[in-house]
Amino acid sequence: MGDTIRVMVTKIGLDGHDRGSRIIAAYLRDAGHEVIYTPPWQTIEAVVRLAVQEDVAVIGISSLATDHLIVPDLMSALAEAGLGHVAVVVGGIVPESEHRILLDAGVARIFGPGSGREEIVATVTALGEQAMAARTLTERPA
């Protein structure tokens, strides 16, 4: 598409372990994406507000504990804000038994431990391009 893909990498809830999210942010930055990195402990409202301000195509949520279980609430808030085109991925420790909860809520992809740099970058790139195309289609005048 030619446009730079804007990706927010964040942590919602009370999980403060951010080593993994910093590594992913560096991978994406090195791949040419514009990365908006937030400190840990973000609220859903703050993530939605920043997604609007920064016009992101992808939001990456890092989860070490159980904070991924509030991602369905984030998905609802994004839809209510008119950001249904934004792709959301979750990475970290997500029990297999909880994957369906996230996927049913609209999460595009879940990355577990051992997911490689190339896989993550390729997936985020493809999702970002799709989100940017979807946004462009919805912005066209009738």
N, C-alpha and C. Protein backbone atom coordinates (compact mmCIF):
# COMPACT_ATOMS: atom_id res chain seq x y z
N MET A 1 0.81 -1.19 0.00
CA MET A 1 0.00 0.00 0.00
C MET A 1 0.85 1.25 0.00
N GLY A 2 2.04 1.17 0.56
CA GLY A 2 2.91 2.33 0.52
C GLY A 2 2.86 3.19 1.77
N ASP A 3 1.75 3.22 2.48
CA ASP A 3 1.65 4.01 3.69
C ASP A 3 2.30 3.26 4.85
N THR A 4 2.83 4.03 5.79
CA THR A 4 3.41 3.42 6.98
C THR A 4 2.30 2.88 7.87
N ILE A 5 2.47 1.67 8.33
CA ILE A 5 1.48 1.06 9.22
C ILE A 5 1.77 1.54 10.63
N ARG A 6 0.72 2.06 11.26
CA ARG A 6 0.83 2.57 12.63
C ARG A 6 0.28 1.50 13.58
N VAL A 7 1.13 1.10 14.52
CA VAL A 7 0.80 0.02 15.44
C VAL A 7 0.96 0.51 16.88
N MET A 8 -0.07 0.31 17.68
CA MET A 8 0.05 0.60 19.11
C MET A 8 0.38 -0.70 19.82
N VAL A 9 1.40 -0.67 20.66
CA VAL A 9 1.76 -1.81 21.50
C VAL A 9 1.51 -1.38 22.93
N THR A 10 0.66 -2.13 23.63
CA THR A 10 0.22 -1.67 24.94
C THR A 10 -0.08 -2.84 25.87
N LYS A 11 -0.29 -2.50 27.12
CA LYS A 11 -0.71 -3.46 28.14
C LYS A 11 -1.89 -2.84 28.87
N ILE A 12 -2.98 -3.60 28.96
CA ILE A 12 -4.15 -3.10 29.68
C ILE A 12 -4.28 -3.86 31.00
N GLY A 13 -4.92 -3.24 31.95
CA GLY A 13 -5.11 -3.89 33.23
C GLY A 13 -3.93 -3.68 34.16
N LEU A 14 -3.73 -4.62 35.06
CA LEU A 14 -2.75 -4.46 36.14
C LEU A 14 -1.40 -5.10 35.89
N ASP A 15 -1.24 -5.80 34.80
CA ASP A 15 0.02 -6.48 34.48
C ASP A 15 1.08 -5.46 34.09
N GLY A 16 2.17 -5.42 34.83
CA GLY A 16 3.22 -4.44 34.57
C GLY A 16 4.45 -5.01 33.89
N HIS A 17 4.46 -6.30 33.61
CA HIS A 17 5.62 -6.94 32.99
C HIS A 17 5.65 -6.57 31.51
N ASP A 18 6.60 -5.71 31.13
CA ASP A 18 6.57 -5.18 29.76
C ASP A 18 7.77 -5.57 28.90
N ARG A 19 8.56 -6.52 29.34
CA ARG A 19 9.73 -6.91 28.55
C ARG A 19 9.33 -7.41 27.16
N GLY A 20 8.35 -8.30 27.11
CA GLY A 20 7.91 -8.85 25.83
C GLY A 20 7.36 -7.79 24.90
N SER A 21 6.57 -6.87 25.44
CA SER A 21 5.99 -5.83 24.58
C SER A 21 7.07 -4.90 24.05
N ARG A 22 8.11 -4.66 24.82
CA ARG A 22 9.21 -3.82 24.33
C ARG A 22 9.96 -4.51 23.18
N ILE A 23 10.14 -5.80 23.30
CA ILE A 23 10.81 -6.56 22.23
C ILE A 23 9.97 -6.53 20.96
N ILE A 24 8.67 -6.76 21.09
CA ILE A 24 7.79 -6.74 19.92
C ILE A 24 7.77 -5.36 19.28
N ALA A 25 7.72 -4.32 20.10
CA ALA A 25 7.75 -2.95 19.57
C ALA A 25 9.02 -2.72 18.75
N ALA A 26 10.15 -3.23 19.23
CA ALA A 26 11.41 -3.07 18.49
C ALA A 26 11.36 -3.85 17.17
N TYR A 27 10.83 -5.07 17.19
CA TYR A 27 10.69 -5.84 15.95
C TYR A 27 9.90 -5.05 14.91
N LEU A 28 8.78 -4.51 15.33
CA LEU A 28 7.90 -3.80 14.40
C LEU A 28 8.53 -2.50 13.91
N ARG A 29 9.21 -1.81 14.80
CA ARG A 29 9.91 -0.58 14.41
C ARG A 29 11.01 -0.90 13.39
N ASP A 30 11.76 -1.96 13.66
CA ASP A 30 12.83 -2.36 12.74
C ASP A 30 12.28 -2.75 11.37
N ALA A 31 11.03 -3.21 11.33
CA ALA A 31 10.39 -3.60 10.07
C ALA A 31 9.80 -2.40 9.33
N GLY A 32 9.93 -1.21 9.91
CA GLY A 32 9.46 0.00 9.22
C GLY A 32 8.10 0.50 9.65
N HIS A 33 7.50 -0.14 10.63
CA HIS A 33 6.20 0.33 11.12
C HIS A 33 6.41 1.48 12.10
N GLU A 34 5.43 2.35 12.17
CA GLU A 34 5.45 3.39 13.19
C GLU A 34 4.80 2.80 14.43
N VAL A 35 5.54 2.76 15.52
CA VAL A 35 5.06 2.12 16.74
C VAL A 35 4.75 3.18 17.79
N ILE A 36 3.56 3.10 18.31
CA ILE A 36 3.15 3.93 19.44
C ILE A 36 3.18 2.99 20.64
N TYR A 37 4.16 3.20 21.51
CA TYR A 37 4.35 2.32 22.66
C TYR A 37 3.84 3.02 23.90
N THR A 38 3.01 2.34 24.67
CA THR A 38 2.51 2.94 25.90
C THR A 38 3.13 2.25 27.10
N PRO A 39 3.20 2.96 28.21
CA PRO A 39 3.60 2.29 29.43
C PRO A 39 2.52 1.30 29.86
N PRO A 40 2.85 0.40 30.77
CA PRO A 40 1.84 -0.57 31.25
C PRO A 40 0.69 0.13 31.99
N TRP A 41 -0.29 -0.68 32.34
CA TRP A 41 -1.43 -0.28 33.17
C TRP A 41 -2.39 0.68 32.47
N GLN A 42 -2.57 0.50 31.18
CA GLN A 42 -3.51 1.35 30.45
C GLN A 42 -4.95 0.91 30.70
N THR A 43 -5.85 1.88 30.67
CA THR A 43 -7.27 1.56 30.74
C THR A 43 -7.80 1.36 29.32
N ILE A 44 -8.95 0.73 29.22
CA ILE A 44 -9.59 0.56 27.92
C ILE A 44 -9.85 1.92 27.30
N GLU A 45 -10.35 2.85 28.09
CA GLU A 45 -10.66 4.19 27.58
C GLU A 45 -9.42 4.88 27.04
N ALA A 46 -8.29 4.74 27.73
CA ALA A 46 -7.05 5.37 27.28
C ALA A 46 -6.58 4.76 25.96
N VAL A 47 -6.70 3.45 25.83
CA VAL A 47 -6.29 2.78 24.59
C VAL A 47 -7.15 3.24 23.42
N VAL A 48 -8.46 3.32 23.63
CA VAL A 48 -9.35 3.77 22.56
C VAL A 48 -9.03 5.22 22.18
N ARG A 49 -8.87 6.07 23.18
CA ARG A 49 -8.55 7.48 22.92
C ARG A 49 -7.25 7.61 22.11
N LEU A 50 -6.23 6.88 22.51
CA LEU A 50 -4.95 6.94 21.81
C LEU A 50 -5.06 6.35 20.41
N ALA A 51 -5.85 5.30 20.25
CA ALA A 51 -6.04 4.70 18.92
C ALA A 51 -6.66 5.71 17.96
N VAL A 52 -7.60 6.50 18.46
CA VAL A 52 -8.21 7.55 17.64
C VAL A 52 -7.18 8.64 17.33
N GLN A 53 -6.50 9.13 18.36
CA GLN A 53 -5.53 10.21 18.18
C GLN A 53 -4.41 9.83 17.22
N GLU A 54 -3.93 8.61 17.34
CA GLU A 54 -2.78 8.18 16.55
C GLU A 54 -3.16 7.50 15.25
N ASP A 55 -4.45 7.30 15.01
CA ASP A 55 -4.94 6.70 13.77
C ASP A 55 -4.24 5.36 13.49
N VAL A 56 -4.27 4.47 14.48
CA VAL A 56 -3.57 3.20 14.34
C VAL A 56 -4.36 2.21 13.50
N ALA A 57 -3.64 1.31 12.87
CA ALA A 57 -4.25 0.24 12.08
C ALA A 57 -4.29 -1.07 12.88
N VAL A 58 -3.34 -1.21 13.81
CA VAL A 58 -3.23 -2.44 14.60
C VAL A 58 -2.97 -2.06 16.05
N ILE A 59 -3.58 -2.81 16.95
CA ILE A 59 -3.28 -2.69 18.37
C ILE A 59 -2.78 -4.05 18.83
N GLY A 60 -1.59 -4.06 19.43
CA GLY A 60 -1.03 -5.27 20.01
C GLY A 60 -1.14 -5.19 21.52
N ILE A 61 -1.80 -6.18 22.11
CA ILE A 61 -1.97 -6.25 23.56
C ILE A 61 -1.07 -7.35 24.08
N SER A 62 -0.23 -7.00 25.05
CA SER A 62 0.64 -7.98 25.68
C SER A 62 0.03 -8.40 27.01
N SER A 63 0.01 -9.71 27.27
CA SER A 63 -0.59 -10.20 28.51
C SER A 63 0.28 -11.30 29.11
N LEU A 64 0.62 -11.11 30.37
CA LEU A 64 1.36 -12.14 31.09
C LEU A 64 0.45 -12.88 32.06
N ALA A 65 -0.47 -12.15 32.66
CA ALA A 65 -1.37 -12.76 33.65
C ALA A 65 -2.73 -13.00 33.00
N THR A 66 -3.77 -12.49 33.58
CA THR A 66 -5.12 -12.73 33.04
C THR A 66 -5.74 -11.48 32.41
N ASP A 67 -4.95 -10.47 32.17
CA ASP A 67 -5.50 -9.22 31.63
C ASP A 67 -6.05 -9.38 30.22
N HIS A 68 -5.69 -10.45 29.53
CA HIS A 68 -6.27 -10.68 28.20
C HIS A 68 -7.77 -10.89 28.28
N LEU A 69 -8.27 -11.22 29.46
CA LEU A 69 -9.71 -11.46 29.60
C LEU A 69 -10.54 -10.18 29.54
N ILE A 70 -9.89 -9.01 29.60
CA ILE A 70 -10.64 -7.76 29.42
C ILE A 70 -10.57 -7.26 27.97
N VAL A 71 -9.87 -7.99 27.13
CA VAL A 71 -9.79 -7.61 25.71
C VAL A 71 -11.17 -7.60 25.04
N PRO A 72 -12.09 -8.52 25.35
CA PRO A 72 -13.42 -8.40 24.75
C PRO A 72 -14.09 -7.05 25.04
N ASP A 73 -13.87 -6.50 26.24
CA ASP A 73 -14.40 -5.17 26.54
C ASP A 73 -13.73 -4.10 25.68
N LEU A 74 -12.44 -4.27 25.43
CA LEU A 74 -11.73 -3.35 24.54
C LEU A 74 -12.31 -3.43 23.13
N MET A 75 -12.57 -4.63 22.66
CA MET A 75 -13.13 -4.80 21.32
C MET A 75 -14.47 -4.09 21.19
N SER A 76 -15.30 -4.20 22.20
CA SER A 76 -16.60 -3.50 22.19
C SER A 76 -16.41 -1.99 22.18
N ALA A 77 -15.48 -1.50 22.98
CA ALA A 77 -15.23 -0.06 23.04
C ALA A 77 -14.67 0.46 21.72
N LEU A 78 -13.82 -0.32 21.07
CA LEU A 78 -13.30 0.09 19.76
C LEU A 78 -14.43 0.18 18.74
N ALA A 79 -15.31 -0.80 18.74
CA ALA A 79 -16.44 -0.80 17.80
C ALA A 79 -17.34 0.41 18.05
N GLU A 80 -17.61 0.70 19.31
CA GLU A 80 -18.45 1.85 19.66
C GLU A 80 -17.82 3.16 19.23
N ALA A 81 -16.49 3.21 19.19
CA ALA A 81 -15.77 4.42 18.79
C ALA A 81 -15.58 4.50 17.27
N GLY A 82 -16.15 3.56 16.53
CA GLY A 82 -16.00 3.56 15.08
C GLY A 82 -14.68 3.01 14.61
N LEU A 83 -14.04 2.21 15.46
CA LEU A 83 -12.72 1.65 15.13
C LEU A 83 -12.79 0.15 14.89
N GLY A 84 -13.90 -0.31 14.36
CA GLY A 84 -14.04 -1.73 14.09
C GLY A 84 -13.07 -2.25 13.06
N HIS A 85 -12.49 -1.36 12.25
CA HIS A 85 -11.52 -1.77 11.23
C HIS A 85 -10.13 -2.03 11.82
N VAL A 86 -9.86 -1.56 13.03
CA VAL A 86 -8.55 -1.72 13.65
C VAL A 86 -8.36 -3.18 14.04
N ALA A 87 -7.26 -3.77 13.60
CA ALA A 87 -6.95 -5.16 13.95
C ALA A 87 -6.34 -5.21 15.35
N VAL A 88 -6.77 -6.17 16.13
CA VAL A 88 -6.23 -6.36 17.48
C VAL A 88 -5.59 -7.73 17.56
N VAL A 89 -4.35 -7.75 18.03
CA VAL A 89 -3.64 -9.01 18.26
C VAL A 89 -3.27 -9.06 19.74
N VAL A 90 -3.18 -10.26 20.26
CA VAL A 90 -2.81 -10.46 21.66
C VAL A 90 -1.61 -11.39 21.69
N GLY A 91 -0.64 -11.04 22.52
CA GLY A 91 0.53 -11.88 22.66
C GLY A 91 0.86 -12.11 24.11
N GLY A 92 1.47 -13.26 24.38
CA GLY A 92 1.90 -13.55 25.74
C GLY A 92 1.35 -14.88 26.22
N ILE A 93 1.04 -14.92 27.49
CA ILE A 93 0.55 -16.14 28.12
C ILE A 93 -0.98 -16.13 28.10
N VAL A 94 -1.53 -16.83 27.14
CA VAL A 94 -2.99 -16.96 27.02
C VAL A 94 -3.29 -18.46 26.96
N PRO A 95 -3.91 -18.99 28.00
CA PRO A 95 -4.22 -20.42 27.99
C PRO A 95 -5.06 -20.79 26.76
N GLU A 96 -4.76 -21.93 26.20
CA GLU A 96 -5.48 -22.43 25.02
C GLU A 96 -6.99 -22.43 25.26
N SER A 97 -7.40 -22.73 26.47
CA SER A 97 -8.83 -22.78 26.80
C SER A 97 -9.51 -21.42 26.72
N GLU A 98 -8.72 -20.35 26.66
CA GLU A 98 -9.29 -18.99 26.60
C GLU A 98 -9.15 -18.35 25.23
N HIS A 99 -8.54 -19.05 24.28
CA HIS A 99 -8.39 -18.50 22.93
C HIS A 99 -9.74 -18.18 22.30
N ARG A 100 -10.70 -19.10 22.44
CA ARG A 100 -12.00 -18.92 21.79
C ARG A 100 -12.69 -17.65 22.27
N ILE A 101 -12.54 -17.31 23.54
CA ILE A 101 -13.13 -16.08 24.09
C ILE A 101 -12.62 -14.87 23.31
N LEU A 102 -11.32 -14.83 23.08
CA LEU A 102 -10.71 -13.69 22.38
C LEU A 102 -11.07 -13.68 20.90
N LEU A 103 -11.00 -14.83 20.28
CA LEU A 103 -11.31 -14.91 18.85
C LEU A 103 -12.77 -14.57 18.58
N ASP A 104 -13.67 -15.05 19.43
CA ASP A 104 -15.09 -14.73 19.27
C ASP A 104 -15.36 -13.24 19.47
N ALA A 105 -14.52 -12.57 20.26
CA ALA A 105 -14.68 -11.13 20.48
C ALA A 105 -14.14 -10.31 19.31
N GLY A 106 -13.41 -10.96 18.40
CA GLY A 106 -12.90 -10.25 17.24
C GLY A 106 -11.39 -10.08 17.18
N VAL A 107 -10.67 -10.67 18.13
CA VAL A 107 -9.21 -10.61 18.08
C VAL A 107 -8.75 -11.33 16.82
N ALA A 108 -7.85 -10.68 16.09
CA ALA A 108 -7.40 -11.22 14.80
C ALA A 108 -6.41 -12.36 14.94
N ARG A 109 -5.58 -12.31 15.99
CA ARG A 109 -4.52 -13.32 16.13
C ARG A 109 -4.03 -13.35 17.56
N ILE A 110 -3.66 -14.52 18.02
CA ILE A 110 -3.06 -14.71 19.33
C ILE A 110 -1.68 -15.31 19.13
N PHE A 111 -0.67 -14.65 19.69
CA PHE A 111 0.71 -15.14 19.62
C PHE A 111 1.12 -15.64 20.99
N GLY A 112 1.58 -16.87 21.05
CA GLY A 112 2.03 -17.43 22.31
C GLY A 112 3.54 -17.41 22.41
N PRO A 113 4.06 -17.91 23.52
CA PRO A 113 5.51 -18.01 23.68
C PRO A 113 6.10 -18.81 22.52
N GLY A 114 7.21 -18.37 22.02
CA GLY A 114 7.86 -19.05 20.92
C GLY A 114 7.49 -18.53 19.55
N SER A 115 6.52 -17.63 19.47
CA SER A 115 6.19 -17.02 18.17
C SER A 115 7.41 -16.26 17.69
N GLY A 116 7.77 -16.46 16.44
CA GLY A 116 8.99 -15.86 15.91
C GLY A 116 8.79 -14.46 15.36
N ARG A 117 9.90 -13.76 15.28
CA ARG A 117 9.91 -12.39 14.77
C ARG A 117 9.26 -12.30 13.39
N GLU A 118 9.67 -13.18 12.48
CA GLU A 118 9.15 -13.11 11.11
C GLU A 118 7.65 -13.33 11.07
N GLU A 119 7.17 -14.29 11.84
CA GLU A 119 5.73 -14.58 11.89
C GLU A 119 4.95 -13.38 12.42
N ILE A 120 5.45 -12.79 13.49
CA ILE A 120 4.77 -11.64 14.10
C ILE A 120 4.76 -10.46 13.14
N VAL A 121 5.92 -10.13 12.58
CA VAL A 121 6.00 -8.98 11.67
C VAL A 121 5.14 -9.20 10.43
N ALA A 122 5.20 -10.38 9.84
CA ALA A 122 4.40 -10.65 8.63
C ALA A 122 2.91 -10.56 8.93
N THR A 123 2.49 -11.10 10.06
CA THR A 123 1.07 -11.07 10.41
C THR A 123 0.61 -9.65 10.68
N VAL A 124 1.37 -8.90 11.47
CA VAL A 124 0.99 -7.52 11.78
C VAL A 124 0.98 -6.67 10.51
N THR A 125 1.94 -6.90 9.63
CA THR A 125 1.97 -6.16 8.36
C THR A 125 0.71 -6.44 7.55
N ALA A 126 0.37 -7.71 7.39
CA ALA A 126 -0.82 -8.07 6.61
C ALA A 126 -2.09 -7.51 7.25
N LEU A 127 -2.21 -7.64 8.56
CA LEU A 127 -3.39 -7.11 9.25
C LEU A 127 -3.45 -5.59 9.15
N GLY A 128 -2.30 -4.94 9.24
CA GLY A 128 -2.27 -3.49 9.12
C GLY A 128 -2.70 -3.02 7.75
N GLU A 129 -2.24 -3.71 6.72
CA GLU A 129 -2.64 -3.35 5.35
C GLU A 129 -4.14 -3.55 5.17
N GLN A 130 -4.67 -4.64 5.70
CA GLN A 130 -6.12 -4.89 5.60
C GLN A 130 -6.91 -3.82 6.34
N ALA A 131 -6.45 -3.46 7.53
CA ALA A 131 -7.16 -2.45 8.32
C ALA A 131 -7.14 -1.09 7.63
N MET A 132 -6.00 -0.75 7.03
CA MET A 132 -5.90 0.53 6.33
C MET A 132 -6.80 0.55 5.11
N ALA A 133 -6.89 -0.57 4.41
CA ALA A 133 -7.78 -0.65 3.24
C ALA A 133 -9.24 -0.57 3.67
N ALA A 134 -9.58 -1.23 4.77
CA ALA A 134 -10.96 -1.19 5.26
C ALA A 134 -11.33 0.21 5.70
N ARG A 135 -10.41 0.90 6.35
CA ARG A 135 -10.67 2.28 6.78
C ARG A 135 -10.90 3.16 5.58
N THR A 136 -10.08 3.00 4.55
CA THR A 136 -10.21 3.81 3.33
C THR A 136 -11.56 3.58 2.68
N LEU A 137 -12.02 2.34 2.64
CA LEU A 137 -13.32 2.03 2.04
C LEU A 137 -14.46 2.69 2.80
N THR A 138 -14.37 2.73 4.12
CA THR A 138 -15.45 3.32 4.91
C THR A 138 -15.41 4.83 4.89
N GLU A 139 -14.29 5.42 4.50
CA GLU A 139 -14.18 6.88 4.46
C GLU A 139 -14.60 7.47 3.13
N ARG A 140 -14.79 6.64 2.11
CA ARG A 140 -15.19 7.15 0.80
C ARG A 140 -16.60 7.72 0.86
N PRO A 141 -16.80 8.88 0.21
CA PRO A 141 -18.15 9.44 0.19
C PRO A 141 -19.10 8.56 -0.61
N ALA A 142 -20.36 8.57 -0.22
CA ALA A 142 -21.37 7.74 -0.90
C ALA A 142 -21.74 8.30 -2.25
